[in-house]
Amino acid sequence: MKPSMAKSVRLLIARGLILDFFLMVSVIWFFSFTPGCGRKGPPVPRGNIQTEIVRDLKLAYENDTLILRWSGNNDAELAVFAVYRARRSLIKTECQKCPLEFEQIADFDISGKSVKTGYEYIDRDASPGFRYYYKIRAANKYGREGADSNMVDFAY
């Protein structure tokens, strides 16, 4: 190997070591000064719903009508209850072990109401021959939904 070639190989190795060292220091510095240690739990996005989950959803059948009833709280951030429904035929042609496919059937706006304690939704679109499943999600004024309520069902 020529002396000039050996010198350039040594320079390349030295430059590679310097770059490796710089990269390693940069990575350590980045992770050392990055906020959030993860000890306090998962991060919560701004405007995330902090209200109580609806736990007392009840279903009543009165005068050929399905009526959902639940209670709420007076949280100022609470704006909407989203009502979801799934249905399965009472005739056993559908997959009974498949997951339920819920669709949103109503937005129950409560942002203008002064008393936020008890709520009621009447499902006027239910028809006989199906088992209906319902759940509710509360949403805040930023549009973020909370977790599902308890699920209720009724064979119509």
N, C-alpha and C. Protein backbone atom coordinates (compact mmCIF):
# COMPACT_ATOMS: atom_id res chain seq x y z
N MET A 1 0.84 -1.16 0.00
CA MET A 1 0.00 0.00 0.00
C MET A 1 0.89 1.22 0.00
N LYS A 2 0.54 2.19 -0.79
CA LYS A 2 1.32 3.41 -0.89
C LYS A 2 1.14 4.22 0.40
N PRO A 3 2.18 5.01 0.80
CA PRO A 3 2.07 5.80 2.03
C PRO A 3 0.92 6.81 1.98
N SER A 4 0.67 7.40 0.84
CA SER A 4 -0.41 8.40 0.76
C SER A 4 -1.78 7.72 0.90
N MET A 5 -1.89 6.51 0.39
CA MET A 5 -3.13 5.77 0.49
C MET A 5 -3.37 5.34 1.93
N ALA A 6 -2.32 4.91 2.62
CA ALA A 6 -2.44 4.50 4.02
C ALA A 6 -2.86 5.69 4.87
N LYS A 7 -2.30 6.87 4.56
CA LYS A 7 -2.64 8.07 5.31
C LYS A 7 -4.12 8.42 5.12
N SER A 8 -4.64 8.30 3.88
CA SER A 8 -6.05 8.62 3.66
C SER A 8 -6.97 7.59 4.31
N VAL A 9 -6.54 6.33 4.38
CA VAL A 9 -7.35 5.32 5.06
C VAL A 9 -7.43 5.65 6.55
N ARG A 10 -6.29 6.05 7.16
CA ARG A 10 -6.29 6.42 8.58
C ARG A 10 -7.17 7.64 8.82
N LEU A 11 -7.17 8.59 7.91
CA LEU A 11 -8.01 9.77 8.06
C LEU A 11 -9.50 9.41 7.99
N LEU A 12 -9.84 8.49 7.08
CA LEU A 12 -11.23 8.05 6.97
C LEU A 12 -11.68 7.34 8.24
N ILE A 13 -10.82 6.49 8.79
CA ILE A 13 -11.15 5.79 10.04
C ILE A 13 -11.30 6.80 11.17
N ALA A 14 -10.40 7.78 11.24
CA ALA A 14 -10.48 8.80 12.28
C ALA A 14 -11.77 9.62 12.13
N ARG A 15 -12.11 9.98 10.90
CA ARG A 15 -13.36 10.73 10.68
C ARG A 15 -14.57 9.88 11.06
N GLY A 16 -14.55 8.61 10.75
CA GLY A 16 -15.66 7.72 11.12
C GLY A 16 -15.81 7.61 12.62
N LEU A 17 -14.69 7.54 13.34
CA LEU A 17 -14.76 7.48 14.80
C LEU A 17 -15.29 8.78 15.38
N ILE A 18 -14.88 9.90 14.80
CA ILE A 18 -15.37 11.19 15.26
C ILE A 18 -16.86 11.30 15.01
N LEU A 19 -17.33 10.88 13.84
CA LEU A 19 -18.76 10.91 13.54
C LEU A 19 -19.54 9.99 14.47
N ASP A 20 -19.01 8.79 14.72
CA ASP A 20 -19.67 7.86 15.64
C ASP A 20 -19.76 8.47 17.04
N PHE A 21 -18.69 9.09 17.50
CA PHE A 21 -18.68 9.71 18.81
C PHE A 21 -19.70 10.85 18.87
N PHE A 22 -19.74 11.69 17.83
CA PHE A 22 -20.68 12.80 17.79
C PHE A 22 -22.12 12.30 17.79
N LEU A 23 -22.40 11.23 17.03
CA LEU A 23 -23.74 10.65 16.98
C LEU A 23 -24.14 10.10 18.35
N MET A 24 -23.25 9.39 19.02
CA MET A 24 -23.53 8.81 20.32
C MET A 24 -23.82 9.91 21.35
N VAL A 25 -23.01 10.97 21.36
CA VAL A 25 -23.22 12.08 22.29
C VAL A 25 -24.55 12.77 21.99
N SER A 26 -24.90 12.94 20.73
CA SER A 26 -26.16 13.58 20.36
C SER A 26 -27.37 12.77 20.84
N VAL A 27 -27.32 11.47 20.68
CA VAL A 27 -28.42 10.61 21.10
C VAL A 27 -28.56 10.66 22.63
N ILE A 28 -27.45 10.57 23.34
CA ILE A 28 -27.50 10.63 24.81
C ILE A 28 -28.05 11.98 25.26
N TRP A 29 -27.59 13.06 24.64
CA TRP A 29 -28.08 14.39 25.00
C TRP A 29 -29.57 14.51 24.75
N PHE A 30 -30.05 14.01 23.60
CA PHE A 30 -31.47 14.10 23.25
C PHE A 30 -32.33 13.40 24.30
N PHE A 31 -31.97 12.16 24.66
CA PHE A 31 -32.78 11.42 25.62
C PHE A 31 -32.61 11.93 27.05
N SER A 32 -31.52 12.60 27.34
CA SER A 32 -31.32 13.15 28.68
C SER A 32 -32.20 14.36 28.94
N PHE A 33 -32.46 15.15 27.92
CA PHE A 33 -33.21 16.39 28.10
C PHE A 33 -34.61 16.34 27.51
N THR A 34 -35.06 15.18 27.12
CA THR A 34 -36.42 15.04 26.61
C THR A 34 -37.37 14.97 27.80
N PRO A 35 -38.41 15.81 27.83
CA PRO A 35 -39.32 15.80 28.98
C PRO A 35 -40.16 14.54 29.04
N GLY A 36 -40.61 14.20 30.23
CA GLY A 36 -41.50 13.07 30.43
C GLY A 36 -40.77 11.81 30.81
N CYS A 37 -40.95 11.41 32.03
CA CYS A 37 -40.27 10.20 32.49
C CYS A 37 -41.18 8.99 32.42
N GLY A 38 -42.50 9.20 32.24
CA GLY A 38 -43.42 8.08 32.15
C GLY A 38 -43.85 7.53 33.50
N ARG A 39 -43.41 8.11 34.59
CA ARG A 39 -43.76 7.60 35.92
C ARG A 39 -45.16 8.03 36.35
N LYS A 40 -45.70 9.09 35.76
CA LYS A 40 -46.98 9.61 36.19
C LYS A 40 -48.15 9.01 35.41
N GLY A 41 -47.90 8.11 34.53
CA GLY A 41 -48.95 7.52 33.72
C GLY A 41 -48.87 8.03 32.30
N PRO A 42 -49.74 7.54 31.45
CA PRO A 42 -49.69 7.96 30.05
C PRO A 42 -50.08 9.42 29.91
N PRO A 43 -49.56 10.10 28.89
CA PRO A 43 -49.90 11.51 28.70
C PRO A 43 -51.36 11.66 28.33
N VAL A 44 -51.95 12.77 28.74
CA VAL A 44 -53.35 13.07 28.44
C VAL A 44 -53.38 14.28 27.53
N PRO A 45 -53.94 14.14 26.32
CA PRO A 45 -53.99 15.27 25.41
C PRO A 45 -54.82 16.42 25.98
N ARG A 46 -54.47 17.62 25.61
CA ARG A 46 -55.22 18.79 26.07
C ARG A 46 -56.67 18.67 25.59
N GLY A 47 -57.59 18.96 26.47
CA GLY A 47 -59.00 18.86 26.13
C GLY A 47 -59.54 17.45 26.24
N ASN A 48 -58.76 16.53 26.76
CA ASN A 48 -59.24 15.16 26.90
C ASN A 48 -60.33 15.12 27.95
N ILE A 49 -61.31 14.29 27.71
CA ILE A 49 -62.46 14.24 28.61
C ILE A 49 -62.05 13.71 29.98
N GLN A 50 -62.44 14.39 31.01
CA GLN A 50 -62.12 14.01 32.38
C GLN A 50 -63.38 13.75 33.18
N THR A 51 -64.49 13.52 32.50
CA THR A 51 -65.76 13.35 33.20
C THR A 51 -65.98 11.89 33.55
N GLU A 52 -66.92 11.69 34.42
CA GLU A 52 -67.30 10.34 34.85
C GLU A 52 -67.91 9.61 33.65
N ILE A 53 -67.58 8.36 33.52
CA ILE A 53 -68.16 7.53 32.47
C ILE A 53 -69.60 7.19 32.87
N VAL A 54 -70.50 7.15 31.89
CA VAL A 54 -71.88 6.75 32.17
C VAL A 54 -71.86 5.28 32.55
N ARG A 55 -72.31 4.99 33.77
CA ARG A 55 -72.29 3.61 34.27
C ARG A 55 -73.69 3.06 34.53
N ASP A 56 -74.68 3.91 34.41
CA ASP A 56 -76.03 3.48 34.79
C ASP A 56 -77.02 3.53 33.62
N LEU A 57 -76.55 3.21 32.42
CA LEU A 57 -77.43 3.19 31.27
C LEU A 57 -78.47 2.08 31.48
N LYS A 58 -79.75 2.46 31.28
CA LYS A 58 -80.85 1.51 31.45
C LYS A 58 -81.73 1.58 30.20
N LEU A 59 -82.38 0.47 29.91
CA LEU A 59 -83.26 0.39 28.75
C LEU A 59 -84.64 0.00 29.22
N ALA A 60 -85.63 0.71 28.76
CA ALA A 60 -87.02 0.40 29.11
C ALA A 60 -87.82 0.24 27.82
N TYR A 61 -88.82 -0.63 27.87
CA TYR A 61 -89.73 -0.81 26.75
C TYR A 61 -91.11 -0.37 27.23
N GLU A 62 -91.57 0.76 26.73
CA GLU A 62 -92.85 1.33 27.16
C GLU A 62 -93.65 1.74 25.94
N ASN A 63 -94.88 1.28 25.86
CA ASN A 63 -95.79 1.66 24.76
C ASN A 63 -95.16 1.44 23.39
N ASP A 64 -94.62 0.27 23.17
CA ASP A 64 -93.98 -0.11 21.91
C ASP A 64 -92.81 0.80 21.54
N THR A 65 -92.11 1.33 22.52
CA THR A 65 -90.98 2.23 22.29
C THR A 65 -89.81 1.82 23.17
N LEU A 66 -88.61 1.85 22.60
CA LEU A 66 -87.40 1.59 23.37
C LEU A 66 -86.86 2.93 23.89
N ILE A 67 -86.69 3.01 25.21
CA ILE A 67 -86.25 4.26 25.84
C ILE A 67 -84.98 4.01 26.62
N LEU A 68 -83.94 4.79 26.30
CA LEU A 68 -82.68 4.73 27.05
C LEU A 68 -82.70 5.83 28.10
N ARG A 69 -82.26 5.48 29.32
CA ARG A 69 -82.17 6.48 30.39
C ARG A 69 -80.83 6.33 31.08
N TRP A 70 -80.24 7.48 31.45
CA TRP A 70 -78.98 7.48 32.18
C TRP A 70 -78.85 8.79 32.94
N SER A 71 -77.93 8.82 33.87
CA SER A 71 -77.68 10.06 34.62
C SER A 71 -76.35 10.63 34.18
N GLY A 72 -76.17 11.90 34.46
CA GLY A 72 -74.94 12.58 34.10
C GLY A 72 -74.43 13.36 35.29
N ASN A 73 -73.51 14.24 35.03
CA ASN A 73 -73.00 15.11 36.10
C ASN A 73 -73.01 16.55 35.61
N ASN A 74 -72.60 17.45 36.45
CA ASN A 74 -72.61 18.87 36.11
C ASN A 74 -71.26 19.38 35.65
N ASP A 75 -70.49 18.57 34.99
CA ASP A 75 -69.18 18.98 34.50
C ASP A 75 -69.36 20.02 33.39
N ALA A 76 -68.70 21.15 33.52
CA ALA A 76 -68.82 22.23 32.54
C ALA A 76 -68.26 21.85 31.18
N GLU A 77 -67.32 20.91 31.14
CA GLU A 77 -66.70 20.49 29.87
C GLU A 77 -67.61 19.54 29.08
N LEU A 78 -68.55 18.90 29.74
CA LEU A 78 -69.43 17.93 29.10
C LEU A 78 -70.37 18.64 28.14
N ALA A 79 -70.42 18.16 26.88
CA ALA A 79 -71.23 18.84 25.87
C ALA A 79 -72.20 17.92 25.14
N VAL A 80 -71.82 16.68 24.91
CA VAL A 80 -72.62 15.79 24.07
C VAL A 80 -72.57 14.37 24.60
N PHE A 81 -73.68 13.67 24.48
CA PHE A 81 -73.69 12.23 24.67
C PHE A 81 -73.93 11.63 23.29
N ALA A 82 -73.06 10.75 22.85
CA ALA A 82 -73.23 10.06 21.57
C ALA A 82 -73.87 8.71 21.85
N VAL A 83 -74.97 8.42 21.18
CA VAL A 83 -75.70 7.17 21.38
C VAL A 83 -75.34 6.22 20.24
N TYR A 84 -74.94 5.00 20.61
CA TYR A 84 -74.53 3.99 19.63
C TYR A 84 -75.46 2.78 19.72
N ARG A 85 -75.70 2.16 18.56
CA ARG A 85 -76.58 0.98 18.52
C ARG A 85 -76.00 -0.06 17.57
N ALA A 86 -76.16 -1.31 17.98
CA ALA A 86 -75.85 -2.45 17.10
C ALA A 86 -77.09 -3.34 17.13
N ARG A 87 -77.25 -4.15 16.11
CA ARG A 87 -78.39 -5.06 16.12
C ARG A 87 -78.02 -6.39 15.47
N ARG A 88 -78.71 -7.41 15.93
CA ARG A 88 -78.57 -8.75 15.37
C ARG A 88 -79.96 -9.32 15.16
N SER A 89 -80.09 -10.05 14.09
CA SER A 89 -81.37 -10.68 13.79
C SER A 89 -81.67 -11.75 14.82
N LEU A 90 -82.94 -11.87 15.19
CA LEU A 90 -83.33 -12.94 16.12
C LEU A 90 -83.35 -14.29 15.42
N ILE A 91 -83.41 -14.27 14.09
CA ILE A 91 -83.28 -15.50 13.32
C ILE A 91 -81.79 -15.80 13.26
N LYS A 92 -81.36 -16.96 13.60
CA LYS A 92 -79.94 -17.29 13.79
C LYS A 92 -79.15 -17.41 12.49
N THR A 93 -79.36 -16.52 11.54
CA THR A 93 -78.61 -16.59 10.29
C THR A 93 -77.28 -15.86 10.38
N GLU A 94 -77.17 -14.91 11.31
CA GLU A 94 -75.94 -14.13 11.43
C GLU A 94 -74.95 -14.83 12.35
N CYS A 95 -73.73 -14.44 12.24
CA CYS A 95 -72.67 -14.97 13.10
C CYS A 95 -72.90 -14.46 14.53
N GLN A 96 -73.24 -15.35 15.44
CA GLN A 96 -73.54 -14.94 16.81
C GLN A 96 -72.29 -14.65 17.63
N LYS A 97 -71.14 -15.15 17.19
CA LYS A 97 -69.90 -14.92 17.94
C LYS A 97 -69.07 -13.78 17.35
N CYS A 98 -69.52 -13.19 16.26
CA CYS A 98 -68.81 -12.06 15.65
C CYS A 98 -68.96 -10.83 16.53
N PRO A 99 -67.99 -9.94 16.50
CA PRO A 99 -68.13 -8.71 17.30
C PRO A 99 -69.28 -7.84 16.80
N LEU A 100 -69.87 -7.11 17.72
CA LEU A 100 -70.97 -6.22 17.36
C LEU A 100 -70.43 -5.02 16.59
N GLU A 101 -71.18 -4.59 15.60
CA GLU A 101 -70.80 -3.41 14.82
C GLU A 101 -71.73 -2.27 15.20
N PHE A 102 -71.23 -1.39 16.07
CA PHE A 102 -72.02 -0.26 16.54
C PHE A 102 -71.97 0.88 15.53
N GLU A 103 -73.09 1.58 15.40
CA GLU A 103 -73.14 2.79 14.61
C GLU A 103 -73.75 3.89 15.46
N GLN A 104 -73.28 5.10 15.27
CA GLN A 104 -73.81 6.22 16.03
C GLN A 104 -75.17 6.59 15.47
N ILE A 105 -76.17 6.63 16.34
CA ILE A 105 -77.52 6.94 15.88
C ILE A 105 -77.99 8.32 16.34
N ALA A 106 -77.30 8.91 17.30
CA ALA A 106 -77.73 10.23 17.78
C ALA A 106 -76.61 10.94 18.52
N ASP A 107 -76.64 12.26 18.43
CA ASP A 107 -75.84 13.14 19.28
C ASP A 107 -76.83 13.85 20.20
N PHE A 108 -76.68 13.62 21.48
CA PHE A 108 -77.57 14.21 22.47
C PHE A 108 -76.86 15.42 23.04
N ASP A 109 -77.14 16.61 22.49
CA ASP A 109 -76.44 17.84 22.87
C ASP A 109 -76.97 18.36 24.20
N ILE A 110 -76.07 18.55 25.17
CA ILE A 110 -76.47 19.06 26.48
C ILE A 110 -75.74 20.35 26.82
N SER A 111 -75.02 20.92 25.88
CA SER A 111 -74.20 22.09 26.18
C SER A 111 -75.02 23.30 26.62
N GLY A 112 -76.25 23.44 26.18
CA GLY A 112 -77.07 24.58 26.55
C GLY A 112 -77.96 24.34 27.75
N LYS A 113 -77.95 23.14 28.29
CA LYS A 113 -78.83 22.81 29.40
C LYS A 113 -78.22 23.25 30.72
N SER A 114 -79.06 23.79 31.58
CA SER A 114 -78.55 24.25 32.88
C SER A 114 -78.50 23.12 33.90
N VAL A 115 -79.46 22.21 33.87
CA VAL A 115 -79.45 21.07 34.80
C VAL A 115 -79.02 19.85 34.03
N LYS A 116 -77.93 19.27 34.44
CA LYS A 116 -77.39 18.11 33.75
C LYS A 116 -77.39 16.92 34.71
N THR A 117 -78.56 16.32 34.89
CA THR A 117 -78.64 15.20 35.83
C THR A 117 -79.17 13.95 35.18
N GLY A 118 -80.39 13.98 34.65
CA GLY A 118 -80.97 12.79 34.05
C GLY A 118 -81.27 12.99 32.59
N TYR A 119 -81.05 11.95 31.78
CA TYR A 119 -81.24 12.06 30.33
C TYR A 119 -82.06 10.89 29.83
N GLU A 120 -82.69 11.11 28.66
CA GLU A 120 -83.53 10.08 28.06
C GLU A 120 -83.43 10.19 26.55
N TYR A 121 -83.33 9.05 25.88
CA TYR A 121 -83.32 9.02 24.42
C TYR A 121 -84.32 7.96 23.98
N ILE A 122 -85.18 8.29 23.03
CA ILE A 122 -86.17 7.37 22.51
C ILE A 122 -85.72 6.92 21.13
N ASP A 123 -85.59 5.59 20.96
CA ASP A 123 -85.21 5.04 19.66
C ASP A 123 -86.48 4.74 18.88
N ARG A 124 -86.79 5.60 17.93
CA ARG A 124 -88.01 5.45 17.13
C ARG A 124 -87.79 4.60 15.88
N ASP A 125 -86.53 4.21 15.63
CA ASP A 125 -86.22 3.45 14.42
C ASP A 125 -86.08 1.95 14.65
N ALA A 126 -86.30 1.49 15.86
CA ALA A 126 -86.18 0.06 16.14
C ALA A 126 -87.38 -0.68 15.54
N SER A 127 -87.11 -1.85 14.99
CA SER A 127 -88.19 -2.65 14.41
C SER A 127 -88.11 -4.07 14.96
N PRO A 128 -89.24 -4.75 15.05
CA PRO A 128 -89.27 -6.11 15.61
C PRO A 128 -88.41 -7.09 14.81
N GLY A 129 -87.97 -8.14 15.47
CA GLY A 129 -87.19 -9.18 14.82
C GLY A 129 -85.70 -9.07 15.05
N PHE A 130 -85.28 -8.14 15.89
CA PHE A 130 -83.86 -7.92 16.15
C PHE A 130 -83.59 -7.80 17.64
N ARG A 131 -82.37 -8.14 18.02
CA ARG A 131 -81.87 -7.83 19.35
C ARG A 131 -81.02 -6.58 19.19
N TYR A 132 -81.35 -5.55 19.95
CA TYR A 132 -80.66 -4.27 19.89
C TYR A 132 -79.72 -4.13 21.07
N TYR A 133 -78.54 -3.61 20.80
CA TYR A 133 -77.51 -3.35 21.81
C TYR A 133 -77.22 -1.85 21.78
N TYR A 134 -77.13 -1.25 22.96
CA TYR A 134 -76.89 0.18 23.06
C TYR A 134 -75.73 0.48 24.00
N LYS A 135 -75.03 1.56 23.70
CA LYS A 135 -74.02 2.11 24.60
C LYS A 135 -73.94 3.60 24.34
N ILE A 136 -73.34 4.32 25.29
CA ILE A 136 -73.24 5.78 25.19
C ILE A 136 -71.82 6.19 25.49
N ARG A 137 -71.38 7.23 24.83
CA ARG A 137 -70.09 7.87 25.14
C ARG A 137 -70.32 9.34 25.38
N ALA A 138 -69.75 9.85 26.45
CA ALA A 138 -69.81 11.28 26.72
C ALA A 138 -68.69 11.95 25.95
N ALA A 139 -68.94 13.15 25.47
CA ALA A 139 -67.92 13.92 24.75
C ALA A 139 -67.84 15.32 25.34
N ASN A 140 -66.63 15.86 25.36
CA ASN A 140 -66.46 17.21 25.90
C ASN A 140 -66.65 18.25 24.80
N LYS A 141 -66.51 19.52 25.16
CA LYS A 141 -66.74 20.60 24.21
C LYS A 141 -65.69 20.65 23.11
N TYR A 142 -64.60 19.90 23.26
CA TYR A 142 -63.57 19.82 22.22
C TYR A 142 -63.83 18.67 21.24
N GLY A 143 -64.90 17.89 21.50
CA GLY A 143 -65.25 16.80 20.61
C GLY A 143 -64.60 15.47 20.95
N ARG A 144 -63.86 15.40 22.04
CA ARG A 144 -63.22 14.14 22.41
C ARG A 144 -64.18 13.28 23.21
N GLU A 145 -64.33 12.03 22.77
CA GLU A 145 -65.23 11.10 23.44
C GLU A 145 -64.50 10.34 24.54
N GLY A 146 -65.23 10.03 25.58
CA GLY A 146 -64.70 9.22 26.67
C GLY A 146 -64.90 7.74 26.35
N ALA A 147 -64.78 6.92 27.36
CA ALA A 147 -64.94 5.47 27.20
C ALA A 147 -66.42 5.10 27.09
N ASP A 148 -66.67 3.88 26.65
CA ASP A 148 -68.05 3.39 26.51
C ASP A 148 -68.72 3.26 27.86
N SER A 149 -70.04 3.45 27.85
CA SER A 149 -70.85 3.19 29.03
C SER A 149 -71.05 1.68 29.16
N ASN A 150 -71.82 1.29 30.15
CA ASN A 150 -72.24 -0.11 30.20
C ASN A 150 -73.13 -0.36 28.98
N MET A 151 -73.22 -1.59 28.55
CA MET A 151 -74.01 -1.93 27.37
C MET A 151 -75.33 -2.56 27.83
N VAL A 152 -76.41 -2.17 27.19
CA VAL A 152 -77.72 -2.77 27.45
C VAL A 152 -78.24 -3.35 26.15
N ASP A 153 -79.11 -4.36 26.28
CA ASP A 153 -79.67 -4.96 25.07
C ASP A 153 -81.12 -5.33 25.29
N PHE A 154 -81.84 -5.52 24.17
CA PHE A 154 -83.26 -5.85 24.24
C PHE A 154 -83.63 -6.61 22.98
N ALA A 155 -84.33 -7.73 23.14
CA ALA A 155 -84.85 -8.51 22.01
C ALA A 155 -86.25 -7.98 21.69
N TYR A 156 -86.41 -7.42 20.50
CA TYR A 156 -87.64 -6.75 20.12
C TYR A 156 -88.45 -7.66 19.24
